[in-house]
Amino acid sequence: METLKVSSKSNPNSVAGAIAGALGKEPMVELQAIGAGAVNQAVKAVAVARRFLNESGKDIGMIPGFVDIEIGGEKRTGISIKVFVVGEENESSSEEK
């Protein structure tokens, strides 16, 4: 599973394109964000990616969670958002909820 790091300065449209591209190759992609601004950009990116993918007849879902990330030798708690295609051949990922 591909992991995308999102910051408060990330462009939601660019992250959405990366999400759509990753979901074309794999059944699930993970976004990681630390801080309110980064989480905001990540959620916006999921919404934009959903719009991109709806045009091709696909829909996506997401599972939020927490993740411990080490930055500069210091552990930080971040938000993990796992994004997956709903339906199709991806039924196995819905079991991971």
C-alpha atoms as a PDB file:
ATOM      1  CA  MET A   1       0.000   0.000   0.000  1.00  0.00           C
ATOM      2  CA  GLU A   2       1.339   3.394  -0.991  1.00  0.00           C
ATOM      3  CA  THR A   3       1.651   6.022   1.762  1.00  0.00           C
ATOM      4  CA  LEU A   4       1.261   9.719   0.948  1.00  0.00           C
ATOM      5  CA  LYS A   5       2.434  12.316   3.486  1.00  0.00           C
ATOM      6  CA  VAL A   6       0.232  15.422   3.523  1.00  0.00           C
ATOM      7  CA  SER A   7       1.257  18.755   5.039  1.00  0.00           C
ATOM      8  CA  SER A   8      -0.686  21.936   5.675  1.00  0.00           C
ATOM      9  CA  LYS A   9       0.975  23.384   2.551  1.00  0.00           C
ATOM     10  CA  SER A  10      -0.016  20.453   0.293  1.00  0.00           C
ATOM     11  CA  ASN A  11      -2.189  21.300  -2.707  1.00  0.00           C
ATOM     12  CA  PRO A  12      -5.416  19.233  -2.379  1.00  0.00           C
ATOM     13  CA  ASN A  13      -5.729  18.910  -6.172  1.00  0.00           C
ATOM     14  CA  SER A  14      -2.206  17.474  -6.437  1.00  0.00           C
ATOM     15  CA  VAL A  15      -2.812  15.051  -3.561  1.00  0.00           C
ATOM     16  CA  ALA A  16      -6.142  14.056  -5.152  1.00  0.00           C
ATOM     17  CA  GLY A  17      -4.339  13.240  -8.398  1.00  0.00           C
ATOM     18  CA  ALA A  18      -1.835  11.130  -6.460  1.00  0.00           C
ATOM     19  CA  ILE A  19      -4.705   9.315  -4.707  1.00  0.00           C
ATOM     20  CA  ALA A  20      -6.472   8.595  -8.010  1.00  0.00           C
ATOM     21  CA  GLY A  21      -3.212   7.417  -9.590  1.00  0.00           C
ATOM     22  CA  ALA A  22      -2.346   5.153  -6.657  1.00  0.00           C
ATOM     23  CA  LEU A  23      -5.855   3.640  -6.602  1.00  0.00           C
ATOM     24  CA  GLY A  24      -5.429   2.795 -10.284  1.00  0.00           C
ATOM     25  CA  LYS A  25      -2.521   0.520  -9.314  1.00  0.00           C
ATOM     26  CA  GLU A  26      -3.426  -0.683  -5.814  1.00  0.00           C
ATOM     27  CA  PRO A  27      -6.675  -1.349  -3.955  1.00  0.00           C
ATOM     28  CA  MET A  28      -5.849   1.064  -1.100  1.00  0.00           C
ATOM     29  CA  VAL A  29      -3.708   4.147  -0.399  1.00  0.00           C
ATOM     30  CA  GLU A  30      -2.865   5.664   2.994  1.00  0.00           C
ATOM     31  CA  LEU A  31      -2.632   9.385   3.736  1.00  0.00           C
ATOM     32  CA  GLN A  32      -0.690  10.519   6.809  1.00  0.00           C
ATOM     33  CA  ALA A  33      -1.094  13.997   8.289  1.00  0.00           C
ATOM     34  CA  ILE A  34       0.117  15.693  11.471  1.00  0.00           C
ATOM     35  CA  GLY A  35      -1.736  18.784  12.660  1.00  0.00           C
ATOM     36  CA  ALA A  36      -5.096  20.359  11.938  1.00  0.00           C
ATOM     37  CA  GLY A  37      -3.981  22.120   8.739  1.00  0.00           C
ATOM     38  CA  ALA A  38      -2.534  18.941   7.267  1.00  0.00           C
ATOM     39  CA  VAL A  39      -5.639  16.909   8.160  1.00  0.00           C
ATOM     40  CA  ASN A  40      -7.790  19.609   6.533  1.00  0.00           C
ATOM     41  CA  GLN A  41      -5.794  19.392   3.284  1.00  0.00           C
ATOM     42  CA  ALA A  42      -5.939  15.564   3.353  1.00  0.00           C
ATOM     43  CA  VAL A  43      -9.734  15.506   3.754  1.00  0.00           C
ATOM     44  CA  LYS A  44     -10.157  18.079   0.968  1.00  0.00           C
ATOM     45  CA  ALA A  45      -7.937  15.911  -1.249  1.00  0.00           C
ATOM     46  CA  VAL A  46     -10.133  12.855  -0.612  1.00  0.00           C
ATOM     47  CA  ALA A  47     -13.223  14.866  -1.580  1.00  0.00           C
ATOM     48  CA  VAL A  48     -11.575  16.073  -4.812  1.00  0.00           C
ATOM     49  CA  ALA A  49     -10.310  12.545  -5.609  1.00  0.00           C
ATOM     50  CA  ARG A  50     -13.852  11.247  -5.171  1.00  0.00           C
ATOM     51  CA  ARG A  51     -15.064  13.773  -7.736  1.00  0.00           C
ATOM     52  CA  PHE A  52     -12.251  12.737 -10.144  1.00  0.00           C
ATOM     53  CA  LEU A  53     -13.057   9.040  -9.754  1.00  0.00           C
ATOM     54  CA  ASN A  54     -16.852   9.501  -9.948  1.00  0.00           C
ATOM     55  CA  GLU A  55     -16.361  10.742 -13.510  1.00  0.00           C
ATOM     56  CA  SER A  56     -15.029   7.282 -14.400  1.00  0.00           C
ATOM     57  CA  GLY A  57     -17.851   5.501 -12.558  1.00  0.00           C
ATOM     58  CA  LYS A  58     -15.923   4.663  -9.375  1.00  0.00           C
ATOM     59  CA  ASP A  59     -16.597   5.653  -5.786  1.00  0.00           C
ATOM     60  CA  ILE A  60     -14.219   5.716  -2.843  1.00  0.00           C
ATOM     61  CA  GLY A  61     -14.464   5.353   0.914  1.00  0.00           C
ATOM     62  CA  MET A  62     -12.080   6.156   3.731  1.00  0.00           C
ATOM     63  CA  ILE A  63     -11.177   4.792   7.136  1.00  0.00           C
ATOM     64  CA  PRO A  64      -9.645   7.282   9.592  1.00  0.00           C
ATOM     65  CA  GLY A  65      -7.259   6.223  12.325  1.00  0.00           C
ATOM     66  CA  PHE A  66      -4.158   7.192  14.252  1.00  0.00           C
ATOM     67  CA  VAL A  67      -0.510   6.571  13.451  1.00  0.00           C
ATOM     68  CA  ASP A  68       2.723   7.152  15.403  1.00  0.00           C
ATOM     69  CA  ILE A  69       5.352   8.874  13.270  1.00  0.00           C
ATOM     70  CA  GLU A  70       8.951   9.575  14.254  1.00  0.00           C
ATOM     71  CA  ILE A  71      10.213  13.016  13.228  1.00  0.00           C
ATOM     72  CA  GLY A  72      13.701  14.076  14.245  1.00  0.00           C
ATOM     73  CA  GLY A  73      13.924  11.329  16.852  1.00  0.00           C
ATOM     74  CA  GLU A  74      10.633  12.462  18.412  1.00  0.00           C
ATOM     75  CA  LYS A  75       7.418  10.423  18.273  1.00  0.00           C
ATOM     76  CA  ARG A  76       4.339  12.316  17.079  1.00  0.00           C
ATOM     77  CA  THR A  77       0.773  11.112  16.726  1.00  0.00           C
ATOM     78  CA  GLY A  78      -0.798  11.742  13.351  1.00  0.00           C
ATOM     79  CA  ILE A  79      -3.970  10.916  11.505  1.00  0.00           C
ATOM     80  CA  SER A  80      -4.014   8.036   9.038  1.00  0.00           C
ATOM     81  CA  ILE A  81      -6.685   8.018   6.341  1.00  0.00           C
ATOM     82  CA  LYS A  82      -6.954   4.807   4.335  1.00  0.00           C
ATOM     83  CA  VAL A  83      -8.722   5.428   1.028  1.00  0.00           C
ATOM     84  CA  PHE A  84     -10.147   2.580  -1.061  1.00  0.00           C
ATOM     85  CA  VAL A  85     -12.384   1.999  -4.068  1.00  0.00           C
ATOM     86  CA  VAL A  86     -15.889   0.935  -3.016  1.00  0.00           C
ATOM     87  CA  GLY A  87     -17.378  -2.118  -4.703  1.00  0.00           C
ATOM     88  CA  GLU A  88     -15.796  -3.662  -7.816  1.00  0.00           C
ATOM     89  CA  GLU A  89     -13.162  -6.333  -7.186  1.00  0.00           C
ATOM     90  CA  ASN A  90     -12.047  -4.518  -4.029  1.00  0.00           C
ATOM     91  CA  GLU A  91     -14.455  -6.274  -1.649  1.00  0.00           C
ATOM     92  CA  SER A  92     -11.557  -7.576   0.481  1.00  0.00           C
ATOM     93  CA  SER A  93     -10.546  -4.071   1.609  1.00  0.00           C
ATOM     94  CA  SER A  94     -13.990  -3.453   3.109  1.00  0.00           C
ATOM     95  CA  GLU A  95     -13.313  -6.382   5.464  1.00  0.00           C
ATOM     96  CA  GLU A  96     -10.369  -4.448   6.935  1.00  0.00           C
ATOM     97  CA  LYS A  97     -12.722  -1.949   8.565  1.00  0.00           C
END
